[in-house]
Amino acid sequence: MTPRSLHARLIAAHDPVNKPALVKLYTEAADTANNLDASCFFLTHAYVFALDAGHPDAPRLYARLKAHGREA
């Protein structure tokens, strides 16, 4: 069996919304992105879902965004 692509797993996690899975998958997308802008785009999504879910990774995701100057 071939593992599903990251994109397919992200889509599946959105319907129905599985916030812990979305935090994990958007973080994975950020970690594998091919440039800083894409990485921070995915990190922002991971961070928003983490905040909404009360996920323990929220502070770490925020720190990563801040380290790249993406602090609001």
N, C-alpha and C. Protein backbone atom coordinates (compact mmCIF):
# COMPACT_ATOMS: atom_id res chain seq x y z
N MET A 1 0.84 -1.18 0.00
CA MET A 1 0.00 0.00 0.00
C MET A 1 0.89 1.25 0.00
N THR A 2 0.59 2.19 -0.86
CA THR A 2 1.35 3.42 -0.96
C THR A 2 0.81 4.44 0.03
N PRO A 3 1.70 5.08 0.81
CA PRO A 3 1.22 6.09 1.76
C PRO A 3 0.60 7.27 1.00
N ARG A 4 -0.45 7.82 1.58
CA ARG A 4 -1.10 8.97 0.95
C ARG A 4 -0.18 10.18 1.00
N SER A 5 -0.30 11.02 0.01
CA SER A 5 0.51 12.24 -0.04
C SER A 5 0.13 13.16 1.11
N LEU A 6 1.04 14.04 1.44
CA LEU A 6 0.78 15.04 2.48
C LEU A 6 -0.47 15.84 2.11
N HIS A 7 -0.59 16.23 0.86
CA HIS A 7 -1.75 17.00 0.42
C HIS A 7 -3.04 16.23 0.68
N ALA A 8 -3.09 14.97 0.33
CA ALA A 8 -4.29 14.15 0.55
C ALA A 8 -4.61 14.02 2.03
N ARG A 9 -3.57 13.89 2.87
CA ARG A 9 -3.80 13.79 4.31
C ARG A 9 -4.32 15.09 4.89
N LEU A 10 -3.82 16.23 4.37
CA LEU A 10 -4.32 17.54 4.82
C LEU A 10 -5.80 17.70 4.47
N ILE A 11 -6.15 17.36 3.25
CA ILE A 11 -7.54 17.48 2.82
C ILE A 11 -8.43 16.59 3.69
N ALA A 12 -7.99 15.38 3.94
CA ALA A 12 -8.77 14.45 4.76
C ALA A 12 -8.95 14.97 6.19
N ALA A 13 -7.95 15.64 6.73
CA ALA A 13 -8.04 16.17 8.10
C ALA A 13 -8.97 17.36 8.19
N HIS A 14 -9.22 18.03 7.07
CA HIS A 14 -10.15 19.17 7.07
C HIS A 14 -11.61 18.73 7.05
N ASP A 15 -11.90 17.49 6.70
CA ASP A 15 -13.28 17.04 6.56
C ASP A 15 -13.48 15.68 7.18
N PRO A 16 -13.98 15.55 8.38
CA PRO A 16 -14.32 16.62 9.31
C PRO A 16 -13.05 17.20 9.94
N VAL A 17 -13.16 18.39 10.46
CA VAL A 17 -12.00 19.08 11.01
C VAL A 17 -11.40 18.28 12.17
N ASN A 18 -10.13 17.95 12.01
CA ASN A 18 -9.37 17.23 13.03
C ASN A 18 -8.19 18.13 13.39
N LYS A 19 -8.41 19.04 14.33
CA LYS A 19 -7.41 20.08 14.62
C LYS A 19 -6.05 19.52 15.05
N PRO A 20 -5.99 18.51 15.93
CA PRO A 20 -4.66 17.97 16.26
C PRO A 20 -3.93 17.42 15.03
N ALA A 21 -4.66 16.76 14.15
CA ALA A 21 -4.04 16.24 12.93
C ALA A 21 -3.59 17.39 12.04
N LEU A 22 -4.39 18.46 11.96
CA LEU A 22 -4.01 19.60 11.13
C LEU A 22 -2.75 20.28 11.66
N VAL A 23 -2.62 20.38 12.98
CA VAL A 23 -1.39 20.95 13.56
C VAL A 23 -0.19 20.12 13.11
N LYS A 24 -0.31 18.82 13.24
CA LYS A 24 0.78 17.91 12.87
C LYS A 24 1.09 17.98 11.38
N LEU A 25 0.06 17.94 10.55
CA LEU A 25 0.28 17.92 9.10
C LEU A 25 0.80 19.26 8.57
N TYR A 26 0.26 20.37 9.07
CA TYR A 26 0.79 21.67 8.62
C TYR A 26 2.22 21.89 9.12
N THR A 27 2.55 21.36 10.28
CA THR A 27 3.93 21.42 10.75
C THR A 27 4.82 20.58 9.85
N GLU A 28 4.36 19.41 9.47
CA GLU A 28 5.12 18.57 8.53
C GLU A 28 5.31 19.28 7.20
N ALA A 29 4.26 19.94 6.72
CA ALA A 29 4.37 20.69 5.47
C ALA A 29 5.40 21.81 5.61
N ALA A 30 5.41 22.49 6.74
CA ALA A 30 6.39 23.55 6.98
C ALA A 30 7.80 22.99 6.99
N ASP A 31 7.95 21.83 7.61
CA ASP A 31 9.28 21.22 7.72
C ASP A 31 9.82 20.74 6.38
N THR A 32 8.93 20.48 5.43
CA THR A 32 9.36 19.95 4.13
C THR A 32 9.21 20.95 2.99
N ALA A 33 8.79 22.17 3.31
CA ALA A 33 8.62 23.20 2.28
C ALA A 33 9.97 23.54 1.65
N ASN A 34 9.91 23.99 0.40
CA ASN A 34 11.15 24.25 -0.33
C ASN A 34 11.66 25.69 -0.22
N ASN A 35 10.96 26.54 0.54
CA ASN A 35 11.48 27.88 0.78
C ASN A 35 10.87 28.44 2.07
N LEU A 36 11.47 29.49 2.56
CA LEU A 36 11.07 30.06 3.85
C LEU A 36 9.65 30.60 3.83
N ASP A 37 9.26 31.27 2.75
CA ASP A 37 7.90 31.81 2.69
C ASP A 37 6.86 30.69 2.76
N ALA A 38 7.07 29.63 2.03
CA ALA A 38 6.14 28.50 2.07
C ALA A 38 6.14 27.87 3.46
N SER A 39 7.31 27.71 4.04
CA SER A 39 7.41 27.13 5.37
C SER A 39 6.62 27.96 6.38
N CYS A 40 6.79 29.27 6.34
CA CYS A 40 6.08 30.14 7.29
C CYS A 40 4.59 30.17 7.02
N PHE A 41 4.18 30.04 5.76
CA PHE A 41 2.77 29.94 5.42
C PHE A 41 2.15 28.74 6.13
N PHE A 42 2.81 27.59 6.03
CA PHE A 42 2.31 26.37 6.67
C PHE A 42 2.41 26.46 8.20
N LEU A 43 3.48 27.07 8.69
CA LEU A 43 3.62 27.25 10.14
C LEU A 43 2.49 28.11 10.70
N THR A 44 2.10 29.14 9.96
CA THR A 44 1.01 30.00 10.40
C THR A 44 -0.28 29.20 10.53
N HIS A 45 -0.55 28.34 9.55
CA HIS A 45 -1.74 27.49 9.63
C HIS A 45 -1.66 26.56 10.83
N ALA A 46 -0.51 25.95 11.01
CA ALA A 46 -0.33 25.05 12.15
C ALA A 46 -0.56 25.80 13.45
N TYR A 47 -0.02 27.00 13.55
CA TYR A 47 -0.15 27.81 14.76
C TYR A 47 -1.61 28.19 15.04
N VAL A 48 -2.33 28.60 14.01
CA VAL A 48 -3.73 28.99 14.19
C VAL A 48 -4.56 27.79 14.67
N PHE A 49 -4.37 26.64 14.04
CA PHE A 49 -5.10 25.45 14.49
C PHE A 49 -4.68 25.04 15.90
N ALA A 50 -3.40 25.21 16.21
CA ALA A 50 -2.92 24.87 17.56
C ALA A 50 -3.56 25.78 18.60
N LEU A 51 -3.65 27.07 18.31
CA LEU A 51 -4.30 27.99 19.24
C LEU A 51 -5.76 27.62 19.43
N ASP A 52 -6.44 27.36 18.33
CA ASP A 52 -7.86 27.04 18.39
C ASP A 52 -8.14 25.76 19.16
N ALA A 53 -7.21 24.81 19.09
CA ALA A 53 -7.40 23.52 19.74
C ALA A 53 -6.80 23.46 21.14
N GLY A 54 -6.10 24.52 21.56
CA GLY A 54 -5.40 24.47 22.84
C GLY A 54 -4.28 23.44 22.81
N HIS A 55 -3.68 23.30 21.65
CA HIS A 55 -2.64 22.28 21.42
C HIS A 55 -1.34 22.70 22.11
N PRO A 56 -0.62 21.74 22.71
CA PRO A 56 0.61 22.08 23.43
C PRO A 56 1.75 22.58 22.54
N ASP A 57 1.66 22.40 21.23
CA ASP A 57 2.72 22.87 20.33
C ASP A 57 2.61 24.35 19.98
N ALA A 58 1.53 25.01 20.39
CA ALA A 58 1.34 26.42 20.02
C ALA A 58 2.54 27.30 20.38
N PRO A 59 3.09 27.24 21.59
CA PRO A 59 4.23 28.11 21.91
C PRO A 59 5.46 27.81 21.03
N ARG A 60 5.69 26.56 20.73
CA ARG A 60 6.83 26.19 19.88
C ARG A 60 6.63 26.70 18.45
N LEU A 61 5.42 26.59 17.94
CA LEU A 61 5.14 27.09 16.59
C LEU A 61 5.29 28.60 16.54
N TYR A 62 4.80 29.28 17.57
CA TYR A 62 4.95 30.73 17.64
C TYR A 62 6.43 31.12 17.65
N ALA A 63 7.22 30.40 18.42
CA ALA A 63 8.66 30.69 18.51
C ALA A 63 9.33 30.53 17.14
N ARG A 64 8.93 29.52 16.39
CA ARG A 64 9.48 29.32 15.06
C ARG A 64 9.12 30.49 14.14
N LEU A 65 7.86 30.92 14.18
CA LEU A 65 7.43 32.05 13.36
C LEU A 65 8.19 33.32 13.76
N LYS A 66 8.32 33.54 15.05
CA LYS A 66 9.01 34.74 15.55
C LYS A 66 10.47 34.72 15.12
N ALA A 67 11.10 33.55 15.15
CA ALA A 67 12.51 33.42 14.75
C ALA A 67 12.72 33.81 13.28
N HIS A 68 11.67 33.69 12.49
CA HIS A 68 11.75 34.05 11.06
C HIS A 68 11.16 35.43 10.79
N GLY A 69 10.93 36.21 11.84
CA GLY A 69 10.43 37.57 11.66
C GLY A 69 8.97 37.63 11.23
N ARG A 70 8.21 36.58 11.53
CA ARG A 70 6.80 36.52 11.10
C ARG A 70 5.87 36.78 12.26
N GLU A 71 6.35 37.52 13.23
CA GLU A 71 5.54 37.86 14.40
C GLU A 71 4.59 39.00 14.03
N ALA A 72 3.36 38.87 14.49
CA ALA A 72 2.38 39.93 14.20
C ALA A 72 2.45 41.02 15.23
